[in-house]
């Protein structure tokens, strides 16, 4: 019995010593990890395997990626004339263009968040009536003298505006523009850009909107923000609507059909157009095909500028164009 008690005592002491050693080792390891003792500890060469073991036990946390602030890009394009342009961008803009503008009214009779615009169109966003201009050559050239028979026909064509057009990122707003002979229409992107820089006006009728703002000017304007997309999209719309009017002239369109055509497509950074889709067409198959050709014929469009690619944070944009016939 005495021998058994001595044996039990030895086993108890062995267990207690083993437990204390383990607690000392692991307690020292985790204490060193907590206070970063092991980060600056120089291990002797014969203990390098232990150092590697310690490194293996360290939790390797993935690097923290700070997300870039998302740049909110207004979805609908609005034409801004030089008279409407302002240096300071508006605080709250739902539209974009190549220039800034701030909401204003000629004679506000009440104060709301939107200006009052006394137009007639409710489908498009436009602050001024801009008639379809008689096209002029972009570079000096010997003018062709029109014959007596040609003059009345050309006047009739230039006065006729078949409708309006809007562009978007499945939600944008441009307007149609262009009625020309083959010699004067912008056949290339450079011509469209040059014409846009010279006149900066897209044909269309003024919108109708109830409201009134405090800022007073001799003309109505909206809160519009200039973005890296503005100049590119203005020339894009100019090229599309020029082709649209040309195709309608070739068909002798005389506002004999009503309706609208909504197209969506993808615009790539290198100017390619893909994934063309007709979302809505109440104007008929022929006029719908004319709208598709108006977008596809001028393609490929120029490569995006660097600032536009950075702002888009991608190489593809989803665009929506809406063509109105009325």
Protein backbone atom coordinates (compact mmCIF):
# COMPACT_ATOMS: atom_id res chain seq x y z
CA UNK A 1 0.00 0.00 0.00
CA UNK A 2 2.84 2.40 0.77
CA UNK A 3 4.44 1.62 -2.62
CA UNK A 4 1.16 2.35 -4.44
CA UNK A 5 0.76 5.66 -2.65
CA UNK A 6 4.30 6.66 -3.58
CA UNK A 7 3.64 5.68 -7.20
CA UNK A 8 0.47 7.79 -7.32
CA UNK A 9 2.30 10.73 -5.82
CA UNK A 10 5.01 10.53 -8.46
CA UNK A 11 2.41 10.39 -11.26
CA UNK A 12 0.62 13.43 -9.85
CA UNK A 13 3.87 15.37 -9.64
CA UNK A 14 4.79 14.39 -13.21
CA UNK A 15 1.41 15.53 -14.51
CA UNK A 16 1.61 18.85 -12.65
CA UNK A 17 5.15 19.54 -13.87
CA UNK A 18 4.19 18.67 -17.48
CA UNK A 19 1.15 20.96 -17.29
CA UNK A 20 3.23 23.80 -15.89
CA UNK A 21 5.86 23.42 -18.63
CA UNK A 22 3.23 23.45 -21.37
CA UNK A 23 1.52 26.46 -19.86
CA UNK A 24 4.85 28.23 -19.59
CA UNK A 25 5.78 27.52 -23.23
CA UNK A 26 2.44 28.41 -24.80
CA UNK A 27 1.82 31.25 -22.38
CA UNK A 28 5.22 32.72 -23.21
CA UNK A 29 4.60 32.29 -26.95
CA UNK A 30 1.24 34.03 -27.00
CA UNK A 31 2.45 36.72 -24.60
CA UNK A 32 5.36 37.39 -26.96
CA UNK A 33 2.98 37.52 -29.92
CA UNK A 34 0.76 39.98 -28.06
CA UNK A 35 3.59 42.32 -27.16
CA UNK A 36 5.54 41.67 -30.40
CA UNK A 37 8.58 40.26 -28.57
CA UNK A 38 9.32 37.78 -31.34
CA UNK A 39 9.31 40.42 -34.11
CA UNK A 40 12.58 41.93 -32.88
CA UNK A 41 14.08 38.79 -31.37
CA UNK A 42 17.27 37.57 -33.00
CA UNK A 43 17.25 33.83 -33.16
CA UNK A 44 20.53 31.91 -33.04
CA UNK A 45 21.28 29.91 -36.16
CA UNK A 46 20.58 26.60 -34.43
CA UNK A 47 17.09 27.85 -33.50
CA UNK A 48 16.12 28.98 -37.01
CA UNK A 49 13.68 26.03 -37.39
CA UNK A 50 11.88 27.32 -34.29
CA UNK A 51 11.70 30.79 -35.84
CA UNK A 52 10.18 29.33 -39.00
CA UNK A 53 7.64 27.52 -36.85
CA UNK A 54 6.75 30.77 -35.10
CA UNK A 55 6.31 32.52 -38.46
CA UNK A 56 4.04 29.72 -39.62
CA UNK A 57 1.74 30.27 -36.63
CA UNK A 58 1.38 33.97 -37.28
CA UNK A 59 -1.95 34.95 -38.76
CA UNK A 60 -1.40 36.42 -42.17
CA UNK A 61 -4.13 38.99 -42.67
CA UNK A 62 -4.89 40.06 -46.25
CA UNK A 63 -3.84 43.62 -47.08
CA UNK A 64 -6.55 46.17 -46.50
CA UNK A 65 -7.78 47.52 -49.82
CA UNK A 66 -9.08 51.04 -49.60
CA UNK A 67 -11.91 51.33 -52.11
CA UNK A 68 -11.73 54.29 -54.43
CA UNK A 69 -14.59 56.72 -54.00
CA UNK A 70 -17.21 55.97 -56.60
CA UNK A 71 -17.72 58.86 -58.99
CA UNK A 72 -21.37 59.49 -59.57
CA UNK A 73 -21.99 60.26 -63.23
CA UNK A 74 -25.30 61.91 -64.15
CA UNK A 75 -27.13 59.73 -66.62
CA UNK A 76 -28.83 62.16 -69.00
CA UNK A 77 -27.08 64.42 -71.48
CA UNK A 78 -28.39 67.97 -71.88
CA UNK A 79 -27.22 70.47 -74.47
CA UNK A 80 -25.75 73.60 -72.85
CA UNK A 81 -25.24 76.72 -74.93
CA UNK A 82 -22.30 79.09 -74.34
CA UNK A 83 -24.78 81.68 -72.97
CA UNK A 84 -25.96 79.22 -70.31
CA UNK A 85 -22.48 78.02 -69.30
CA UNK A 86 -21.16 78.82 -65.82
CA UNK A 87 -17.75 78.38 -64.23
CA UNK A 88 -19.06 76.91 -60.99
CA UNK A 89 -20.80 73.52 -61.20
CA UNK A 90 -24.20 73.20 -59.51
CA UNK A 91 -24.40 71.48 -56.14
CA UNK A 92 -27.10 69.06 -57.23
CA UNK A 93 -27.02 68.07 -60.91
CA UNK A 94 -29.10 65.34 -62.52
CA UNK A 95 -27.76 66.03 -66.01
CA UNK A 96 -24.35 66.27 -67.62
CA UNK A 97 -22.85 68.07 -70.60
CA UNK A 98 -19.59 69.52 -71.88
CA UNK A 99 -20.18 72.69 -69.79
CA UNK A 100 -21.60 73.56 -66.39
CA UNK A 101 -24.86 75.45 -66.01
CA UNK A 102 -27.08 76.41 -63.10
CA UNK A 103 -30.85 76.48 -62.90
CA UNK A 104 -32.33 79.88 -63.75
CA UNK A 105 -35.55 81.57 -64.90
CA UNK A 106 -36.30 84.82 -66.76
CA UNK A 107 -39.17 85.80 -64.43
CA UNK A 108 -39.72 83.30 -61.63
CA UNK A 109 -43.19 83.50 -60.10
CA UNK A 110 -42.46 80.91 -57.41
CA UNK A 111 -39.49 79.10 -55.93
CA UNK A 112 -39.09 75.37 -56.39
CA UNK A 113 -36.22 72.95 -57.05
CA UNK A 114 -36.65 73.08 -60.84
CA UNK A 115 -36.94 76.03 -63.24
CA UNK A 116 -40.08 76.81 -65.17
CA UNK A 117 -39.73 76.16 -68.91
CA UNK A 118 -42.59 77.17 -71.20
CA UNK A 119 -42.05 74.76 -74.08
CA UNK A 120 -44.35 72.15 -75.57
CA UNK A 121 -42.42 68.87 -75.42
CA UNK A 122 -42.72 66.58 -72.41
CA UNK A 123 -40.61 63.71 -73.78
CA UNK A 124 -37.21 65.39 -73.92
CA UNK A 125 -35.09 67.65 -71.72
CA UNK A 126 -34.22 70.85 -73.56
CA UNK A 127 -34.32 74.48 -72.46
CA UNK A 128 -34.37 76.22 -75.85
CA UNK A 129 -36.01 75.83 -79.24
CA UNK A 130 -33.23 75.07 -81.70
CA UNK A 131 -34.40 74.74 -85.31
CA UNK A 132 -32.80 72.34 -87.67
CA UNK A 133 -30.09 74.52 -89.16
CA UNK A 134 -29.21 74.79 -92.80
CA UNK A 135 -25.88 72.97 -92.99
CA UNK A 136 -22.78 74.83 -94.05
CA UNK A 137 -19.47 73.35 -95.20
CA UNK A 138 -17.01 73.13 -92.34
CA UNK A 139 -14.12 74.37 -94.48
CA UNK A 140 -14.08 77.13 -97.10
CA UNK A 141 -15.09 75.81 -100.46
CA UNK A 142 -16.47 77.18 -103.69
CA UNK A 143 -20.20 77.33 -103.00
CA UNK A 144 -22.37 75.53 -105.49
CA UNK A 145 -25.01 77.87 -106.89
CA UNK A 146 -28.40 76.24 -106.37
CA UNK A 147 -30.80 76.21 -109.26
CA UNK A 148 -34.22 77.74 -109.01
CA UNK A 149 -35.74 74.29 -108.81
CA UNK A 150 -33.51 73.26 -105.92
CA UNK A 151 -34.04 76.31 -103.73
CA UNK A 152 -37.66 75.75 -102.61
CA UNK A 153 -37.01 72.05 -101.94
CA UNK A 154 -34.00 72.77 -99.74
CA UNK A 155 -35.86 75.41 -97.75
CA UNK A 156 -38.70 73.01 -97.15
CA UNK A 157 -36.31 70.32 -95.95
CA UNK A 158 -34.34 72.55 -93.62
CA UNK A 159 -37.52 73.84 -91.96
CA UNK A 160 -38.80 70.35 -91.24
CA UNK A 161 -37.89 68.75 -87.93
CA UNK A 162 -39.13 65.17 -87.73
CA UNK A 163 -38.65 64.75 -84.00
CA UNK A 164 -36.18 64.64 -81.16
CA UNK A 165 -33.64 62.20 -79.89
CA UNK A 166 -32.33 61.39 -76.43
CA UNK A 167 -29.19 59.55 -75.40
CA UNK A 168 -28.35 57.78 -72.23
CA UNK A 169 -26.73 55.15 -70.11
CA UNK A 170 -29.98 53.28 -70.31
CA UNK A 171 -31.38 56.71 -69.50
CA UNK A 172 -29.94 59.79 -71.31
CA UNK A 173 -31.17 62.75 -73.31
CA UNK A 174 -29.97 64.21 -76.66
CA UNK A 175 -31.87 65.64 -79.60
CA UNK A 176 -31.81 65.24 -83.36
CA UNK A 177 -29.97 67.59 -85.59
CA UNK A 178 -29.09 67.86 -89.22
CA UNK A 179 -30.65 68.26 -92.59
CA UNK A 180 -28.15 68.45 -95.37
CA UNK A 181 -26.96 67.64 -98.73
CA UNK A 182 -24.36 64.93 -99.01
CA UNK A 183 -21.56 67.49 -99.35
CA UNK A 184 -22.36 69.39 -96.16
CA UNK A 185 -23.29 66.68 -93.67
CA UNK A 186 -20.55 65.62 -91.22
CA UNK A 187 -19.31 62.38 -92.72
CA UNK A 188 -16.58 61.81 -90.14
CA UNK A 189 -16.18 62.12 -86.41
CA UNK A 190 -13.74 65.02 -86.80
CA UNK A 191 -16.32 66.97 -88.78
CA UNK A 192 -18.97 66.26 -86.16
CA UNK A 193 -16.63 67.39 -83.39
CA UNK A 194 -15.69 70.53 -85.32
CA UNK A 195 -19.33 71.39 -85.93
CA UNK A 196 -20.17 70.76 -82.29
CA UNK A 197 -17.36 73.06 -81.12
CA UNK A 198 -18.44 75.79 -83.54
CA UNK A 199 -22.15 75.81 -82.79
CA UNK A 200 -22.73 73.52 -79.79
CA UNK A 201 -26.44 73.33 -80.52
CA UNK A 202 -28.56 70.24 -81.03
CA UNK A 203 -31.85 70.62 -82.85
CA UNK A 204 -35.04 70.10 -80.93
CA UNK A 205 -38.01 71.73 -79.26
CA UNK A 206 -38.07 73.23 -75.79
CA UNK A 207 -39.49 71.17 -72.94
CA UNK A 208 -42.55 72.04 -70.86
CA UNK A 209 -41.92 72.07 -67.10
CA UNK A 210 -43.69 73.70 -64.20
CA UNK A 211 -41.61 75.28 -61.46
CA UNK A 212 -39.45 78.28 -60.70
CA UNK A 213 -36.06 79.00 -59.15
CA UNK A 214 -34.59 82.02 -57.39
CA UNK A 215 -31.69 82.60 -59.79
CA UNK A 216 -32.75 84.99 -62.56
CA UNK A 217 -31.44 85.12 -66.13
CA UNK A 218 -32.85 86.14 -69.48
CA UNK A 219 -33.26 82.47 -70.40
CA UNK A 220 -34.11 79.22 -68.66
CA UNK A 221 -31.39 76.78 -67.74
CA UNK A 222 -31.00 73.58 -65.72
CA UNK A 223 -28.50 72.29 -63.19
CA UNK A 224 -26.00 70.59 -65.46
CA UNK A 225 -22.52 69.35 -64.58
CA UNK A 226 -19.57 69.21 -66.95
CA UNK A 227 -17.96 65.74 -67.01
CA UNK A 228 -15.19 64.06 -69.02
CA UNK A 229 -17.99 62.48 -71.05
CA UNK A 230 -19.58 65.76 -72.09
CA UNK A 231 -17.54 66.77 -75.15
CA UNK A 232 -17.29 63.20 -76.43
CA UNK A 233 -21.02 62.55 -76.05
CA UNK A 234 -21.96 65.88 -77.63
CA UNK A 235 -20.03 64.95 -80.77
CA UNK A 236 -21.41 61.41 -80.61
CA UNK A 237 -24.97 62.73 -80.57
CA UNK A 238 -24.16 65.17 -83.37
CA UNK A 239 -22.85 62.34 -85.55
CA UNK A 240 -25.84 60.07 -84.82
CA UNK A 241 -28.50 62.69 -85.41
CA UNK A 242 -26.79 63.93 -88.57
CA UNK A 243 -26.94 60.43 -89.97
CA UNK A 244 -30.52 60.07 -88.73
CA UNK A 245 -31.70 63.18 -90.56
CA UNK A 246 -29.82 62.19 -93.69
CA UNK A 247 -31.50 58.77 -93.77
CA UNK A 248 -34.90 60.39 -93.23
CA UNK A 249 -34.24 62.84 -96.06
CA UNK A 250 -33.33 59.98 -98.36
CA UNK A 251 -36.66 58.36 -97.52
CA UNK A 252 -38.53 61.67 -97.98
CA UNK A 253 -39.90 61.47 -94.45
CA UNK A 254 -42.59 64.11 -93.90
CA UNK A 255 -43.71 63.41 -90.31
CA UNK A 256 -46.18 60.88 -91.68
CA UNK A 257 -45.52 58.46 -88.80
CA UNK A 258 -45.64 58.89 -85.04
CA UNK A 259 -44.03 57.03 -82.18
CA UNK A 260 -40.67 56.45 -80.59
CA UNK A 261 -37.80 54.01 -80.88
CA UNK A 262 -35.63 53.10 -77.87
CA UNK A 263 -32.26 51.48 -78.58
CA UNK A 264 -29.70 50.14 -76.13
CA UNK A 265 -26.14 49.19 -77.04
CA UNK A 266 -22.63 48.94 -75.64
CA UNK A 267 -20.01 51.52 -76.54
CA UNK A 268 -16.46 50.21 -76.15
CA UNK A 269 -13.40 52.35 -75.39
CA UNK A 270 -12.11 51.84 -78.94
CA UNK A 271 -15.34 53.19 -80.46
CA UNK A 272 -16.96 49.87 -81.35
CA UNK A 273 -20.71 49.34 -81.01
CA UNK A 274 -21.97 45.93 -79.88
CA UNK A 275 -25.11 44.34 -78.45
CA UNK A 276 -27.56 46.60 -80.27
CA UNK A 277 -31.07 45.94 -79.02
CA UNK A 278 -34.45 47.54 -79.74
CA UNK A 279 -36.19 47.93 -76.40
CA UNK A 280 -39.26 49.72 -77.73
CA UNK A 281 -40.58 50.59 -81.17
CA UNK A 282 -43.94 52.24 -81.72
CA UNK A 283 -42.92 53.99 -84.96
CA UNK A 284 -42.76 50.99 -87.27
CA UNK A 285 -40.10 48.59 -88.52
CA UNK A 286 -38.66 50.85 -91.22
CA UNK A 287 -38.19 53.85 -88.95
CA UNK A 288 -36.72 51.53 -86.32
CA UNK A 289 -34.12 50.27 -88.79
CA UNK A 290 -33.29 53.89 -89.68
CA UNK A 291 -32.55 54.57 -86.01
CA UNK A 292 -30.27 51.53 -85.82
CA UNK A 293 -28.40 52.63 -88.94
CA UNK A 294 -28.04 56.15 -87.54
CA UNK A 295 -26.05 54.70 -84.63
CA UNK A 296 -24.14 52.00 -86.51
CA UNK A 297 -23.18 53.83 -89.71
CA UNK A 298 -20.79 56.38 -88.09
CA UNK A 299 -19.07 53.62 -86.07
CA UNK A 300 -16.41 52.92 -85.07
CA UNK A 301 -16.22 56.12 -83.07
CA UNK A 302 -12.90 57.51 -81.78
CA UNK A 303 -11.05 55.99 -78.85
CA UNK A 304 -12.03 57.45 -75.50
CA UNK A 305 -9.73 60.07 -73.97
CA UNK A 306 -7.77 58.92 -70.91
CA UNK A 307 -9.76 61.04 -68.46
CA UNK A 308 -12.97 59.54 -69.80
CA UNK A 309 -11.70 55.98 -69.28
CA UNK A 310 -10.63 56.82 -65.72
CA UNK A 311 -13.99 58.41 -64.91
CA UNK A 312 -15.88 55.46 -66.36
CA UNK A 313 -13.66 52.97 -64.44
CA UNK A 314 -14.13 50.47 -67.22
CA UNK A 315 -13.80 50.04 -70.95
CA UNK A 316 -17.51 49.65 -71.79
CA UNK A 317 -20.52 51.93 -71.39
CA UNK A 318 -24.15 50.91 -71.62
CA UNK A 319 -25.94 53.56 -73.69
CA UNK A 320 -29.58 54.22 -74.47
CA UNK A 321 -30.83 56.38 -77.33
CA UNK A 322 -34.49 57.34 -77.70
CA UNK A 323 -35.69 58.65 -81.06
CA UNK A 324 -39.02 60.52 -81.15
CA UNK A 325 -41.17 60.88 -84.25
CA UNK A 326 -43.94 63.48 -84.02
